[in-house]
Amino acid sequence: MYLLISLIVIGAGLFSIVKWGFRYSIDFVGGTNLEYQVDKNIKQVQVNKVLTESKTEVIFTQISDKKITIRSKPIDEKKELEIRKNLETKLKVKTTLLRFETVGPIIGKETIRKTLLASILAILGILIYMSFAFKSFYFAASAILALFHDILVVVGTYSLMSHFFGAEVDLLFVTALLTTMSFSVHDTIVIFDKIREYGTADKSEIENYANKALTETLIRSLNNSMTIIFMLLALLLLGGSTIKFFIASLLIGTITGTYSSPFVATPILVWLMKRKK
């Protein structure tokens, strides 16, 4: 049953990744973010027309609450001033620059490289540490497989959020992903430590002492996770728009990390140990 739940969630995420992909922030692909405050409501079609006449390579525009958000190819301050003046002249509005940030494509590529390197180093570190701490590769392998499960859930869900809600893959998402990785393994280690403890004293089938360890640690895991979930829900509901997708990613990561420790990592460990016998 739990395998089916995981397959449905991961399958939906993988379908979204293949079908729609992600919307990347300028941290990764380079470009310029512009944000203006205007004194009256205007239509997006009008803004797009002005940008076309300014010969600006626009990726997308968004208008809400008298704010114009523009993503374009990298531009300089002179070009930004030209766009602002064109908006004021042709749309008869007063504009105030709220944000102007530019990232080159070279910096974006470097960010992607460092993100992948950080993830690989984290996974290798966890694998080596758990192999030595539990004196068994099976404990480490089970934790890493559960970790990949959590990564796929978070990444797949974020792809869905990117398509339906406009979430962008940025450095905050990378932070949420790495935090999810650490939380997932942290919760799994607690259960595995109990399984190892009972395994040395109980020589019966592994299902027996694995169930005993799971039963004793489940309430502790739920209590620990719920304190984090309540805090994240409060931030999601009351926090600013700039961090809402970051908080949503952490929330999904916390929930899937709590779920995967007993329902993914432990069954995998039992299966591997039985195969070893």
C-alpha atoms as a PDB file:
ATOM      1  CA  MET A   1       0.000   0.000   0.000  1.00  0.00           C
ATOM      2  CA  TYR A   2       2.775   2.429   0.923  1.00  0.00           C
ATOM      3  CA  LEU A   3       4.675   1.523  -2.233  1.00  0.00           C
ATOM      4  CA  LEU A   4       1.532   2.405  -4.222  1.00  0.00           C
ATOM      5  CA  ILE A   5       1.192   5.784  -2.448  1.00  0.00           C
ATOM      6  CA  SER A   6       4.820   6.618  -3.191  1.00  0.00           C
ATOM      7  CA  LEU A   7       4.532   5.519  -6.826  1.00  0.00           C
ATOM      8  CA  ILE A   8       1.445   7.704  -7.386  1.00  0.00           C
ATOM      9  CA  VAL A   9       3.040  10.819  -5.865  1.00  0.00           C
ATOM     10  CA  ILE A  10       6.428  10.333  -7.567  1.00  0.00           C
ATOM     11  CA  GLY A  11       4.743   9.355 -10.853  1.00  0.00           C
ATOM     12  CA  ALA A  12       2.712  12.584 -10.883  1.00  0.00           C
ATOM     13  CA  GLY A  13       5.881  14.574 -10.214  1.00  0.00           C
ATOM     14  CA  LEU A  14       7.907  12.839 -12.920  1.00  0.00           C
ATOM     15  CA  PHE A  15       5.069  13.364 -15.407  1.00  0.00           C
ATOM     16  CA  SER A  16       5.128  17.085 -14.581  1.00  0.00           C
ATOM     17  CA  ILE A  17       8.928  17.260 -14.964  1.00  0.00           C
ATOM     18  CA  VAL A  18       8.819  15.557 -18.381  1.00  0.00           C
ATOM     19  CA  LYS A  19       5.708  17.417 -19.586  1.00  0.00           C
ATOM     20  CA  TRP A  20       6.224  20.942 -18.203  1.00  0.00           C
ATOM     21  CA  GLY A  21       9.666  21.052 -16.585  1.00  0.00           C
ATOM     22  CA  PHE A  22      10.529  23.962 -14.282  1.00  0.00           C
ATOM     23  CA  ARG A  23      10.492  27.727 -14.322  1.00  0.00           C
ATOM     24  CA  TYR A  24      14.037  28.813 -13.395  1.00  0.00           C
ATOM     25  CA  SER A  25      14.951  32.045 -11.635  1.00  0.00           C
ATOM     26  CA  ILE A  26      17.722  34.320 -12.858  1.00  0.00           C
ATOM     27  CA  ASP A  27      20.004  32.667 -10.280  1.00  0.00           C
ATOM     28  CA  PHE A  28      20.265  29.742 -12.703  1.00  0.00           C
ATOM     29  CA  VAL A  29      19.653  31.020 -16.232  1.00  0.00           C
ATOM     30  CA  GLY A  30      20.779  34.638 -15.990  1.00  0.00           C
ATOM     31  CA  GLY A  31      18.715  37.682 -16.865  1.00  0.00           C
ATOM     32  CA  THR A  32      17.204  40.805 -15.323  1.00  0.00           C
ATOM     33  CA  ASN A  33      14.332  41.176 -12.871  1.00  0.00           C
ATOM     34  CA  LEU A  34      12.486  44.501 -12.951  1.00  0.00           C
ATOM     35  CA  GLU A  35       9.671  45.526 -10.644  1.00  0.00           C
ATOM     36  CA  TYR A  36       7.779  48.834 -10.871  1.00  0.00           C
ATOM     37  CA  GLN A  37       5.057  50.424  -8.775  1.00  0.00           C
ATOM     38  CA  VAL A  38       2.531  52.413 -10.855  1.00  0.00           C
ATOM     39  CA  ASP A  39      -0.167  54.867  -9.765  1.00  0.00           C
ATOM     40  CA  LYS A  40      -3.066  53.313 -11.740  1.00  0.00           C
ATOM     41  CA  ASN A  41      -4.209  49.985 -13.107  1.00  0.00           C
ATOM     42  CA  ILE A  42      -2.926  49.060 -16.570  1.00  0.00           C
ATOM     43  CA  LYS A  43      -3.291  46.026 -18.797  1.00  0.00           C
ATOM     44  CA  GLN A  44      -0.555  43.498 -19.504  1.00  0.00           C
ATOM     45  CA  VAL A  45      -1.089  43.894 -23.249  1.00  0.00           C
ATOM     46  CA  GLN A  46      -0.181  47.577 -22.983  1.00  0.00           C
ATOM     47  CA  VAL A  47       3.014  46.808 -21.070  1.00  0.00           C
ATOM     48  CA  ASN A  48       4.020  44.112 -23.575  1.00  0.00           C
ATOM     49  CA  LYS A  49       3.512  46.574 -26.430  1.00  0.00           C
ATOM     50  CA  VAL A  50       5.795  49.157 -24.787  1.00  0.00           C
ATOM     51  CA  LEU A  51       8.472  46.534 -24.140  1.00  0.00           C
ATOM     52  CA  THR A  52       8.305  45.345 -27.747  1.00  0.00           C
ATOM     53  CA  GLU A  53       8.768  48.915 -28.985  1.00  0.00           C
ATOM     54  CA  SER A  54      11.740  49.276 -26.600  1.00  0.00           C
ATOM     55  CA  LYS A  55      13.321  46.228 -28.278  1.00  0.00           C
ATOM     56  CA  THR A  56      13.613  44.388 -24.966  1.00  0.00           C
ATOM     57  CA  GLU A  57      13.863  40.572 -25.031  1.00  0.00           C
ATOM     58  CA  VAL A  58      11.183  39.788 -22.469  1.00  0.00           C
ATOM     59  CA  ILE A  59      10.802  36.318 -20.940  1.00  0.00           C
ATOM     60  CA  PHE A  60       7.582  37.101 -19.091  1.00  0.00           C
ATOM     61  CA  THR A  61       5.615  39.955 -17.515  1.00  0.00           C
ATOM     62  CA  GLN A  62       3.153  39.971 -14.649  1.00  0.00           C
ATOM     63  CA  ILE A  63       0.868  42.728 -13.327  1.00  0.00           C
ATOM     64  CA  SER A  64      -0.845  42.653  -9.904  1.00  0.00           C
ATOM     65  CA  ASP A  65      -1.816  45.282  -7.318  1.00  0.00           C
ATOM     66  CA  LYS A  66      -0.472  48.129  -9.465  1.00  0.00           C
ATOM     67  CA  LYS A  67       2.900  46.384  -9.676  1.00  0.00           C
ATOM     68  CA  ILE A  68       4.642  45.441 -12.925  1.00  0.00           C
ATOM     69  CA  THR A  69       7.077  42.525 -12.771  1.00  0.00           C
ATOM     70  CA  ILE A  70       9.290  41.981 -15.818  1.00  0.00           C
ATOM     71  CA  ARG A  71      11.836  39.234 -16.532  1.00  0.00           C
ATOM     72  CA  SER A  72      14.089  39.856 -19.518  1.00  0.00           C
ATOM     73  CA  LYS A  73      17.467  39.028 -20.969  1.00  0.00           C
ATOM     74  CA  PRO A  74      20.320  40.843 -19.158  1.00  0.00           C
ATOM     75  CA  ILE A  75      20.081  44.643 -19.559  1.00  0.00           C
ATOM     76  CA  ASP A  76      22.095  47.570 -18.167  1.00  0.00           C
ATOM     77  CA  GLU A  77      21.003  50.670 -16.212  1.00  0.00           C
ATOM     78  CA  LYS A  78      20.708  52.759 -19.372  1.00  0.00           C
ATOM     79  CA  LYS A  79      18.240  50.287 -20.897  1.00  0.00           C
ATOM     80  CA  GLU A  80      16.261  50.104 -17.656  1.00  0.00           C
ATOM     81  CA  LEU A  81      15.908  53.901 -17.596  1.00  0.00           C
ATOM     82  CA  GLU A  82      14.713  53.819 -21.207  1.00  0.00           C
ATOM     83  CA  ILE A  83      12.038  51.220 -20.366  1.00  0.00           C
ATOM     84  CA  ARG A  84      10.856  53.249 -17.373  1.00  0.00           C
ATOM     85  CA  LYS A  85      10.558  56.433 -19.404  1.00  0.00           C
ATOM     86  CA  ASN A  86       8.677  54.635 -22.179  1.00  0.00           C
ATOM     87  CA  LEU A  87       6.204  53.235 -19.657  1.00  0.00           C
ATOM     88  CA  GLU A  88       5.598  56.702 -18.187  1.00  0.00           C
ATOM     89  CA  THR A  89       5.312  58.433 -21.566  1.00  0.00           C
ATOM     90  CA  LYS A  90       3.196  55.947 -23.493  1.00  0.00           C
ATOM     91  CA  LEU A  91       0.960  54.670 -20.680  1.00  0.00           C
ATOM     92  CA  LYS A  92       0.630  58.033 -18.861  1.00  0.00           C
ATOM     93  CA  VAL A  93       1.547  56.547 -15.485  1.00  0.00           C
ATOM     94  CA  LYS A  94       3.960  57.461 -12.732  1.00  0.00           C
ATOM     95  CA  THR A  95       6.441  54.616 -12.127  1.00  0.00           C
ATOM     96  CA  THR A  96       8.663  53.885  -9.136  1.00  0.00           C
ATOM     97  CA  LEU A  97      11.484  51.358  -9.463  1.00  0.00           C
ATOM     98  CA  LEU A  98      11.188  48.746  -6.712  1.00  0.00           C
ATOM     99  CA  ARG A  99      13.696  46.164  -7.911  1.00  0.00           C
ATOM    100  CA  PHE A 100      16.433  45.958 -10.521  1.00  0.00           C
ATOM    101  CA  GLU A 101      18.741  42.935 -10.404  1.00  0.00           C
ATOM    102  CA  THR A 102      20.845  41.368 -13.126  1.00  0.00           C
ATOM    103  CA  VAL A 103      22.649  38.016 -13.162  1.00  0.00           C
ATOM    104  CA  GLY A 104      24.835  36.933 -16.062  1.00  0.00           C
ATOM    105  CA  PRO A 105      24.476  33.460 -17.644  1.00  0.00           C
ATOM    106  CA  ILE A 106      28.002  32.487 -16.505  1.00  0.00           C
ATOM    107  CA  ILE A 107      27.034  32.995 -12.844  1.00  0.00           C
ATOM    108  CA  GLY A 108      23.881  30.948 -13.468  1.00  0.00           C
ATOM    109  CA  LYS A 109      25.880  27.985 -14.822  1.00  0.00           C
ATOM    110  CA  GLU A 110      28.256  28.175 -11.873  1.00  0.00           C
ATOM    111  CA  THR A 111      25.277  28.082  -9.492  1.00  0.00           C
ATOM    112  CA  ILE A 112      23.914  24.916 -11.149  1.00  0.00           C
ATOM    113  CA  ARG A 113      27.325  23.239 -10.942  1.00  0.00           C
ATOM    114  CA  LYS A 114      27.773  24.083  -7.253  1.00  0.00           C
ATOM    115  CA  THR A 115      24.221  22.962  -6.448  1.00  0.00           C
ATOM    116  CA  LEU A 116      24.791  19.528  -8.007  1.00  0.00           C
ATOM    117  CA  LEU A 117      28.180  19.229  -6.306  1.00  0.00           C
ATOM    118  CA  ALA A 118      26.707  20.110  -2.905  1.00  0.00           C
ATOM    119  CA  SER A 119      23.952  17.497  -3.303  1.00  0.00           C
ATOM    120  CA  ILE A 120      26.401  14.751  -4.360  1.00  0.00           C
ATOM    121  CA  LEU A 121      28.793  15.534  -1.487  1.00  0.00           C
ATOM    122  CA  ALA A 122      25.906  15.486   1.000  1.00  0.00           C
ATOM    123  CA  ILE A 123      24.702  12.077  -0.217  1.00  0.00           C
ATOM    124  CA  LEU A 124      28.228  10.603  -0.178  1.00  0.00           C
ATOM    125  CA  GLY A 125      28.831  11.987   3.307  1.00  0.00           C
ATOM    126  CA  ILE A 126      25.604  10.430   4.605  1.00  0.00           C
ATOM    127  CA  LEU A 127      26.413   7.090   2.960  1.00  0.00           C
ATOM    128  CA  ILE A 128      29.928   6.925   4.452  1.00  0.00           C
ATOM    129  CA  TYR A 129      28.824   8.122   7.902  1.00  0.00           C
ATOM    130  CA  MET A 130      25.944   5.645   8.217  1.00  0.00           C
ATOM    131  CA  SER A 131      28.049   2.727   6.949  1.00  0.00           C
ATOM    132  CA  PHE A 132      30.568   3.360   9.746  1.00  0.00           C
ATOM    133  CA  ALA A 133      28.016   4.320  12.433  1.00  0.00           C
ATOM    134  CA  PHE A 134      25.845   1.225  11.938  1.00  0.00           C
ATOM    135  CA  LYS A 135      28.667  -1.063  10.772  1.00  0.00           C
ATOM    136  CA  SER A 136      26.473  -2.218   7.883  1.00  0.00           C
ATOM    137  CA  PHE A 137      26.075  -1.019   4.319  1.00  0.00           C
ATOM    138  CA  TYR A 138      22.415  -2.131   4.337  1.00  0.00           C
ATOM    139  CA  PHE A 139      21.437   0.556   6.852  1.00  0.00           C
ATOM    140  CA  ALA A 140      23.186   3.199   4.742  1.00  0.00           C
ATOM    141  CA  ALA A 141      21.687   1.933   1.470  1.00  0.00           C
ATOM    142  CA  SER A 142      18.159   1.920   2.933  1.00  0.00           C
ATOM    143  CA  ALA A 143      18.539   5.480   4.209  1.00  0.00           C
ATOM    144  CA  ILE A 144      19.900   6.697   0.857  1.00  0.00           C
ATOM    145  CA  LEU A 145      17.055   5.023  -1.091  1.00  0.00           C
ATOM    146  CA  ALA A 146      14.534   6.699   1.222  1.00  0.00           C
ATOM    147  CA  LEU A 147      16.439   9.946   0.708  1.00  0.00           C
ATOM    148  CA  PHE A 148      16.098   9.630  -3.077  1.00  0.00           C
ATOM    149  CA  HIS A 149      12.379   8.966  -2.533  1.00  0.00           C
ATOM    150  CA  ASP A 150      12.059  12.267  -0.625  1.00  0.00           C
ATOM    151  CA  ILE A 151      14.085  14.183  -3.234  1.00  0.00           C
ATOM    152  CA  LEU A 152      11.848  12.885  -6.042  1.00  0.00           C
ATOM    153  CA  VAL A 153       8.706  13.838  -4.112  1.00  0.00           C
ATOM    154  CA  VAL A 154       9.915  17.386  -3.388  1.00  0.00           C
ATOM    155  CA  VAL A 155      11.326  17.989  -6.893  1.00  0.00           C
ATOM    156  CA  GLY A 156       8.261  16.524  -8.604  1.00  0.00           C
ATOM    157  CA  THR A 157       5.828  18.490  -6.450  1.00  0.00           C
ATOM    158  CA  TYR A 158       7.793  21.675  -7.078  1.00  0.00           C
ATOM    159  CA  SER A 159       7.487  21.079 -10.813  1.00  0.00           C
ATOM    160  CA  LEU A 160       3.709  20.957 -10.372  1.00  0.00           C
ATOM    161  CA  MET A 161       3.829  24.183  -8.341  1.00  0.00           C
ATOM    162  CA  SER A 162       6.028  25.741 -11.012  1.00  0.00           C
ATOM    163  CA  HIS A 163       3.468  24.935 -13.721  1.00  0.00           C
ATOM    164  CA  PHE A 164       0.258  25.770 -11.850  1.00  0.00           C
ATOM    165  CA  PHE A 165       1.386  28.532  -9.449  1.00  0.00           C
ATOM    166  CA  GLY A 166       4.474  30.032 -11.105  1.00  0.00           C
ATOM    167  CA  ALA A 167       7.064  28.813  -8.555  1.00  0.00           C
ATOM    168  CA  GLU A 168      10.649  29.408  -9.655  1.00  0.00           C
ATOM    169  CA  VAL A 169      13.642  27.182  -9.012  1.00  0.00           C
ATOM    170  CA  ASP A 170      16.042  29.445  -7.123  1.00  0.00           C
ATOM    171  CA  LEU A 171      18.649  29.225  -4.366  1.00  0.00           C
ATOM    172  CA  LEU A 172      15.910  29.096  -1.710  1.00  0.00           C
ATOM    173  CA  PHE A 173      14.569  25.920  -3.325  1.00  0.00           C
ATOM    174  CA  VAL A 174      18.084  24.428  -3.233  1.00  0.00           C
ATOM    175  CA  THR A 175      18.203  25.289   0.487  1.00  0.00           C
ATOM    176  CA  ALA A 176      14.837  23.592   1.033  1.00  0.00           C
ATOM    177  CA  LEU A 177      15.998  20.501  -0.875  1.00  0.00           C
ATOM    178  CA  LEU A 178      19.218  20.127   1.132  1.00  0.00           C
ATOM    179  CA  THR A 179      17.281  20.704   4.384  1.00  0.00           C
ATOM    180  CA  THR A 180      14.830  17.959   3.374  1.00  0.00           C
ATOM    181  CA  MET A 181      17.751  15.603   2.766  1.00  0.00           C
ATOM    182  CA  SER A 182      19.150  16.183   6.237  1.00  0.00           C
ATOM    183  CA  PHE A 183      15.755  15.927   7.953  1.00  0.00           C
ATOM    184  CA  SER A 184      14.886  12.703   6.141  1.00  0.00           C
ATOM    185  CA  VAL A 185      18.070  10.944   7.242  1.00  0.00           C
ATOM    186  CA  HIS A 186      17.871  12.393  10.762  1.00  0.00           C
ATOM    187  CA  ASP A 187      14.455  10.799  11.325  1.00  0.00           C
ATOM    188  CA  THR A 188      15.545   7.506   9.753  1.00  0.00           C
ATOM    189  CA  ILE A 189      18.624   7.239  11.990  1.00  0.00           C
ATOM    190  CA  VAL A 190      16.443   7.298  15.127  1.00  0.00           C
ATOM    191  CA  ILE A 191      14.459   4.256  13.936  1.00  0.00           C
ATOM    192  CA  PHE A 192      17.528   2.429  12.625  1.00  0.00           C
ATOM    193  CA  ASP A 193      19.356   2.928  15.921  1.00  0.00           C
ATOM    194  CA  LYS A 194      16.527   1.162  17.750  1.00  0.00           C
ATOM    195  CA  ILE A 195      16.468  -1.647  15.166  1.00  0.00           C
ATOM    196  CA  ARG A 196      20.211  -2.186  15.629  1.00  0.00           C
ATOM    197  CA  GLU A 197      19.820  -2.129  19.417  1.00  0.00           C
ATOM    198  CA  TYR A 198      17.054  -4.752  19.418  1.00  0.00           C
ATOM    199  CA  GLY A 199      18.775  -6.789  16.707  1.00  0.00           C
ATOM    200  CA  THR A 200      21.760  -7.522  18.960  1.00  0.00           C
ATOM    201  CA  ALA A 201      19.522  -8.898  21.735  1.00  0.00           C
ATOM    202  CA  ASP A 202      16.657 -10.411  19.725  1.00  0.00           C
ATOM    203  CA  LYS A 203      17.639 -13.235  17.388  1.00  0.00           C
ATOM    204  CA  SER A 204      14.146 -13.750  15.936  1.00  0.00           C
ATOM    205  CA  GLU A 205      13.031 -12.620  12.483  1.00  0.00           C
ATOM    206  CA  ILE A 206      13.928  -9.027  11.669  1.00  0.00           C
ATOM    207  CA  GLU A 207      10.233  -8.101  11.160  1.00  0.00           C
ATOM    208  CA  ASN A 208       9.633  -8.611  14.895  1.00  0.00           C
ATOM    209  CA  TYR A 209      12.225  -6.241  16.302  1.00  0.00           C
ATOM    210  CA  ALA A 210      11.823  -3.802  13.387  1.00  0.00           C
ATOM    211  CA  ASN A 211       8.117  -3.524  14.241  1.00  0.00           C
ATOM    212  CA  LYS A 212       8.968  -3.066  17.915  1.00  0.00           C
ATOM    213  CA  ALA A 213      11.485  -0.302  17.122  1.00  0.00           C
ATOM    214  CA  LEU A 214       9.036   1.372  14.759  1.00  0.00           C
ATOM    215  CA  THR A 215       6.199   1.327  17.290  1.00  0.00           C
ATOM    216  CA  GLU A 216       8.366   2.857  20.017  1.00  0.00           C
ATOM    217  CA  THR A 217       9.760   5.678  17.852  1.00  0.00           C
ATOM    218  CA  LEU A 218       6.665   6.554  15.784  1.00  0.00           C
ATOM    219  CA  ILE A 219       5.029   8.867  18.349  1.00  0.00           C
ATOM    220  CA  ARG A 220       8.337  10.617  18.975  1.00  0.00           C
ATOM    221  CA  SER A 221       8.806  11.158  15.228  1.00  0.00           C
ATOM    222  CA  LEU A 222       5.257  12.493  14.802  1.00  0.00           C
ATOM    223  CA  ASN A 223       5.586  14.869  17.764  1.00  0.00           C
ATOM    224  CA  ASN A 224       8.895  16.165  16.460  1.00  0.00           C
ATOM    225  CA  SER A 225       7.541  16.659  12.931  1.00  0.00           C
ATOM    226  CA  MET A 226       4.271  18.286  13.990  1.00  0.00           C
ATOM    227  CA  THR A 227       6.117  21.089  15.809  1.00  0.00           C
ATOM    228  CA  ILE A 228       7.932  21.870  12.547  1.00  0.00           C
ATOM    229  CA  ILE A 229       4.769  21.510  10.421  1.00  0.00           C
ATOM    230  CA  PHE A 230       2.755  23.935  12.612  1.00  0.00           C
ATOM    231  CA  MET A 231       5.540  26.525  12.390  1.00  0.00           C
ATOM    232  CA  LEU A 232       5.800  26.152   8.604  1.00  0.00           C
ATOM    233  CA  LEU A 233       2.002  26.374   8.185  1.00  0.00           C
ATOM    234  CA  ALA A 234       1.982  29.634  10.144  1.00  0.00           C
ATOM    235  CA  LEU A 235       4.741  31.018   7.914  1.00  0.00           C
ATOM    236  CA  LEU A 236       2.977  29.812   4.776  1.00  0.00           C
ATOM    237  CA  LEU A 237      -0.295  31.485   5.739  1.00  0.00           C
ATOM    238  CA  LEU A 238       1.111  34.707   7.221  1.00  0.00           C
ATOM    239  CA  GLY A 239       4.556  35.077   5.619  1.00  0.00           C
ATOM    240  CA  GLY A 240       5.456  37.215   2.624  1.00  0.00           C
ATOM    241  CA  SER A 241       5.060  36.224  -1.002  1.00  0.00           C
ATOM    242  CA  THR A 242       8.841  36.100  -1.541  1.00  0.00           C
ATOM    243  CA  ILE A 243       9.271  33.053   0.728  1.00  0.00           C
ATOM    244  CA  LYS A 244       5.943  31.219   0.225  1.00  0.00           C
ATOM    245  CA  PHE A 245       7.315  28.657  -2.248  1.00  0.00           C
ATOM    246  CA  PHE A 246      10.398  28.129  -0.078  1.00  0.00           C
ATOM    247  CA  ILE A 247       8.160  27.438   2.928  1.00  0.00           C
ATOM    248  CA  ALA A 248       5.893  25.180   0.826  1.00  0.00           C
ATOM    249  CA  SER A 249       8.953  23.146  -0.257  1.00  0.00           C
ATOM    250  CA  LEU A 250      10.099  22.781   3.358  1.00  0.00           C
ATOM    251  CA  LEU A 251       6.591  21.732   4.379  1.00  0.00           C
ATOM    252  CA  ILE A 252       6.416  19.062   1.658  1.00  0.00           C
ATOM    253  CA  GLY A 253       9.932  17.904   2.574  1.00  0.00           C
ATOM    254  CA  THR A 254       9.048  17.637   6.272  1.00  0.00           C
ATOM    255  CA  ILE A 255       5.881  15.642   5.572  1.00  0.00           C
ATOM    256  CA  THR A 256       7.540  13.249   3.110  1.00  0.00           C
ATOM    257  CA  GLY A 257      10.578  12.901   5.403  1.00  0.00           C
ATOM    258  CA  THR A 258       8.310  11.909   8.302  1.00  0.00           C
ATOM    259  CA  TYR A 259       6.452   9.464   6.035  1.00  0.00           C
ATOM    260  CA  SER A 260       9.487   7.864   4.389  1.00  0.00           C
ATOM    261  CA  SER A 261      11.348   6.884   7.570  1.00  0.00           C
ATOM    262  CA  PRO A 262       8.800   4.299   8.778  1.00  0.00           C
ATOM    263  CA  PHE A 263       7.066   3.476   5.482  1.00  0.00           C
ATOM    264  CA  VAL A 264       9.946   3.492   2.990  1.00  0.00           C
ATOM    265  CA  ALA A 265      13.330   3.221   4.735  1.00  0.00           C
ATOM    266  CA  THR A 266      12.368   0.565   7.285  1.00  0.00           C
ATOM    267  CA  PRO A 267      10.648  -1.843   4.839  1.00  0.00           C
ATOM    268  CA  ILE A 268      13.631  -1.514   2.479  1.00  0.00           C
ATOM    269  CA  LEU A 269      16.011  -2.361   5.349  1.00  0.00           C
ATOM    270  CA  VAL A 270      13.923  -5.408   6.329  1.00  0.00           C
ATOM    271  CA  TRP A 271      13.852  -6.564   2.703  1.00  0.00           C
ATOM    272  CA  LEU A 272      17.629  -6.154   2.287  1.00  0.00           C
ATOM    273  CA  MET A 273      18.424  -7.941   5.551  1.00  0.00           C
ATOM    274  CA  LYS A 274      16.157 -10.864   4.623  1.00  0.00           C
ATOM    275  CA  ARG A 275      17.842 -11.105   1.206  1.00  0.00           C
ATOM    276  CA  LYS A 276      21.204 -11.170   2.963  1.00  0.00           C
ATOM    277  CA  LYS A 277      20.081 -14.162   5.061  1.00  0.00           C
END
